[in-house]
């Protein structure tokens, strides 16, 4: 299986279209969105191409390819306009490892211990291993905080790669299976 993982779209049709283009070209099985789909939030500027209604239309066209978790800027009405389920968290067995996906703005009680944890929320990309657990955050594709890099993750059968959405440059890489 191959997954594309992105976070914090915040209603930017410009960057929603770009991540869907990555999905289409990559041959990935699923796009996992780590929250904050439509609303930009009161502390953030309006992102380029802000058009939450059209982002919903676009994502609904890909409902069978989406796995989505709820972010702090997502509301009940977002589920009403989405043809896909917005989960509090996801936990999956991938290649014998328990991988967890949630937004990261609050503590989540997971049913099982995680080997790999994917979160969003901070708008800062991260990929590190601490005490045997891998932590990965793709940052934000629409409102990055640490630099101008708009990043996403490619999760494949053996590695986690963070790539720049604009240039496809590898930002960070970690092999999780030998």
Protein backbone atom coordinates (compact mmCIF):
# COMPACT_ATOMS: atom_id res chain seq x y z
CA UNK A 1 0.00 0.00 0.00
CA UNK A 2 1.02 3.57 -0.62
CA UNK A 3 -0.48 6.58 1.12
CA UNK A 4 -0.20 10.33 0.63
CA UNK A 5 -0.64 12.19 3.93
CA UNK A 6 -1.37 15.92 4.16
CA UNK A 7 -2.68 18.31 6.76
CA UNK A 8 -4.12 21.75 7.33
CA UNK A 9 -5.63 22.61 3.95
CA UNK A 10 -7.64 25.41 5.61
CA UNK A 11 -9.97 25.95 2.66
CA UNK A 12 -7.29 26.59 0.04
CA UNK A 13 -8.58 25.31 -3.29
CA UNK A 14 -5.15 26.07 -4.78
CA UNK A 15 -3.36 23.62 -2.50
CA UNK A 16 -6.23 21.12 -2.33
CA UNK A 17 -5.95 20.79 -6.12
CA UNK A 18 -2.18 20.37 -5.86
CA UNK A 19 -2.41 17.55 -3.30
CA UNK A 20 -5.09 15.82 -5.39
CA UNK A 21 -2.73 16.12 -8.37
CA UNK A 22 0.00 14.45 -6.28
CA UNK A 23 -2.45 11.68 -5.36
CA UNK A 24 -3.42 11.12 -8.99
CA UNK A 25 0.18 11.04 -10.26
CA UNK A 26 1.61 8.98 -7.39
CA UNK A 27 -0.49 5.86 -7.79
CA UNK A 28 -1.18 5.97 -4.04
CA UNK A 29 -4.09 3.96 -2.70
CA UNK A 30 -5.35 6.62 -0.30
CA UNK A 31 -4.98 10.26 0.70
CA UNK A 32 -5.02 10.67 4.48
CA UNK A 33 -5.97 14.18 5.59
CA UNK A 34 -4.98 15.09 9.15
CA UNK A 35 -7.63 17.73 9.78
CA UNK A 36 -8.45 21.40 9.27
CA UNK A 37 -10.01 20.94 5.86
CA UNK A 38 -12.16 23.99 5.16
CA UNK A 39 -11.94 26.84 7.68
CA UNK A 40 -8.78 28.94 7.98
CA UNK A 41 -9.13 29.58 11.73
CA UNK A 42 -9.16 32.89 13.59
CA UNK A 43 -5.36 33.07 14.04
CA UNK A 44 -4.45 32.29 10.44
CA UNK A 45 -4.51 34.59 7.42
CA UNK A 46 -6.72 33.62 4.50
CA UNK A 47 -4.71 31.12 2.48
CA UNK A 48 -4.09 31.49 -1.23
CA UNK A 49 -7.16 30.42 -3.21
CA UNK A 50 -9.44 30.37 -0.14
CA UNK A 51 -12.64 28.68 -1.29
CA UNK A 52 -13.85 26.11 1.27
CA UNK A 53 -17.04 25.31 -0.63
CA UNK A 54 -15.08 24.24 -3.71
CA UNK A 55 -12.55 22.33 -1.58
CA UNK A 56 -15.50 20.29 -0.28
CA UNK A 57 -16.72 19.67 -3.84
CA UNK A 58 -13.22 18.54 -4.88
CA UNK A 59 -12.70 16.26 -1.89
CA UNK A 60 -16.17 14.75 -2.31
CA UNK A 61 -15.17 13.66 -5.82
CA UNK A 62 -12.36 11.64 -4.18
CA UNK A 63 -14.41 10.29 -1.26
CA UNK A 64 -13.42 6.67 -1.97
CA UNK A 65 -9.73 7.56 -1.79
CA UNK A 66 -9.91 9.68 1.38
CA UNK A 67 -9.28 8.84 5.02
CA UNK A 68 -9.85 11.92 7.18
CA UNK A 69 -9.43 12.96 10.81
CA UNK A 70 -10.98 15.97 12.51
CA UNK A 71 -8.92 19.06 13.27
CA UNK A 72 -9.51 21.91 15.68
CA UNK A 73 -10.92 24.10 12.88
CA UNK A 74 -13.33 21.41 11.66
CA UNK A 75 -16.94 21.69 12.78
CA UNK A 76 -20.10 19.59 12.70
CA UNK A 77 -21.21 21.39 9.54
CA UNK A 78 -18.06 20.16 7.79
CA UNK A 79 -19.27 16.58 8.15
CA UNK A 80 -22.65 17.66 6.74
CA UNK A 81 -21.06 18.88 3.47
CA UNK A 82 -18.57 16.00 3.23
CA UNK A 83 -19.46 12.72 1.51
CA UNK A 84 -16.73 10.96 3.50
CA UNK A 85 -16.43 10.30 7.23
CA UNK A 86 -14.40 12.70 9.36
CA UNK A 87 -12.98 10.59 12.22
CA UNK A 88 -11.62 11.66 15.60
CA UNK A 89 -8.61 9.45 14.86
CA UNK A 90 -7.55 6.50 12.71
CA UNK A 91 -5.47 3.55 13.76
CA UNK A 92 -4.34 0.93 11.25
CA UNK A 93 -1.99 -2.02 11.00
CA UNK A 94 0.37 -1.29 8.14
CA UNK A 95 3.19 -3.76 7.47
CA UNK A 96 2.85 -5.21 10.97
CA UNK A 97 3.13 -1.83 12.70
CA UNK A 98 0.35 0.05 14.48
CA UNK A 99 0.07 3.47 12.84
CA UNK A 100 -2.07 6.21 14.35
CA UNK A 101 -3.39 9.33 12.66
CA UNK A 102 -4.95 12.32 14.43
CA UNK A 103 -4.79 16.10 14.22
CA UNK A 104 -2.69 16.71 17.31
CA UNK A 105 -4.43 19.66 18.94
CA UNK A 106 -5.56 17.59 21.92
CA UNK A 107 -4.71 14.31 23.57
CA UNK A 108 -6.40 11.30 22.02
CA UNK A 109 -6.98 8.00 23.80
CA UNK A 110 -6.01 5.35 21.28
CA UNK A 111 -7.12 1.73 21.59
CA UNK A 112 -3.61 0.38 21.01
CA UNK A 113 -0.03 1.56 21.51
CA UNK A 114 1.40 3.12 18.37
CA UNK A 115 4.61 2.33 16.54
CA UNK A 116 4.16 5.32 14.24
CA UNK A 117 2.16 8.49 15.01
CA UNK A 118 1.09 10.98 12.33
CA UNK A 119 -0.27 14.38 13.40
CA UNK A 120 -0.84 17.80 11.88
CA UNK A 121 -1.90 21.00 13.67
CA UNK A 122 1.49 22.69 14.18
CA UNK A 123 2.01 23.57 10.49
CA UNK A 124 5.65 22.51 10.97
CA UNK A 125 6.97 19.32 9.35
CA UNK A 126 8.67 16.81 11.60
CA UNK A 127 10.02 13.30 11.25
CA UNK A 128 11.81 11.74 14.20
CA UNK A 129 12.13 8.58 16.24
CA UNK A 130 11.85 8.93 20.02
CA UNK A 131 12.03 5.96 22.39
CA UNK A 132 11.27 3.57 19.54
CA UNK A 133 8.20 5.47 18.28
CA UNK A 134 8.25 7.35 14.98
CA UNK A 135 6.53 10.74 14.99
CA UNK A 136 5.68 12.39 11.68
CA UNK A 137 3.96 15.67 10.84
CA UNK A 138 3.65 16.88 7.24
CA UNK A 139 3.22 20.52 8.28
CA UNK A 140 0.61 22.48 6.32
CA UNK A 141 0.10 22.51 2.57
CA UNK A 142 -1.57 25.94 2.68
CA UNK A 143 -0.19 27.92 5.64
CA UNK A 144 3.28 26.62 6.59
CA UNK A 145 4.73 28.11 9.77
CA UNK A 146 8.41 27.13 9.81
CA UNK A 147 9.42 28.17 6.29
CA UNK A 148 7.91 28.47 2.83
CA UNK A 149 7.91 24.71 2.26
CA UNK A 150 4.42 23.24 1.79
CA UNK A 151 4.97 19.62 2.66
CA UNK A 152 3.20 16.26 2.48
CA UNK A 153 4.16 12.70 3.36
CA UNK A 154 4.53 9.62 1.20
CA UNK A 155 4.11 6.45 3.26
CA UNK A 156 5.06 3.32 1.36
CA UNK A 157 5.91 -0.28 2.27
CA UNK A 158 9.17 0.58 4.00
CA UNK A 159 9.69 4.33 4.34
CA UNK A 160 8.25 7.70 5.26
CA UNK A 161 9.24 10.57 2.99
CA UNK A 162 8.31 14.21 3.50
CA UNK A 163 8.25 16.07 0.19
CA UNK A 164 7.77 19.68 -0.85
CA UNK A 165 4.42 20.09 -2.61
CA UNK A 166 5.76 22.72 -5.04
CA UNK A 167 9.05 21.09 -6.08
CA UNK A 168 8.76 17.40 -5.07
CA UNK A 169 12.11 17.86 -3.28
CA UNK A 170 12.68 15.38 -0.45
CA UNK A 171 12.64 17.33 2.81
CA UNK A 172 13.03 14.40 5.24
CA UNK A 173 13.30 10.61 4.87
CA UNK A 174 13.13 7.69 7.30
CA UNK A 175 13.22 3.97 6.55
CA UNK A 176 10.88 2.26 9.03
CA UNK A 177 11.30 -1.31 7.76
CA UNK A 178 14.58 -2.91 6.70
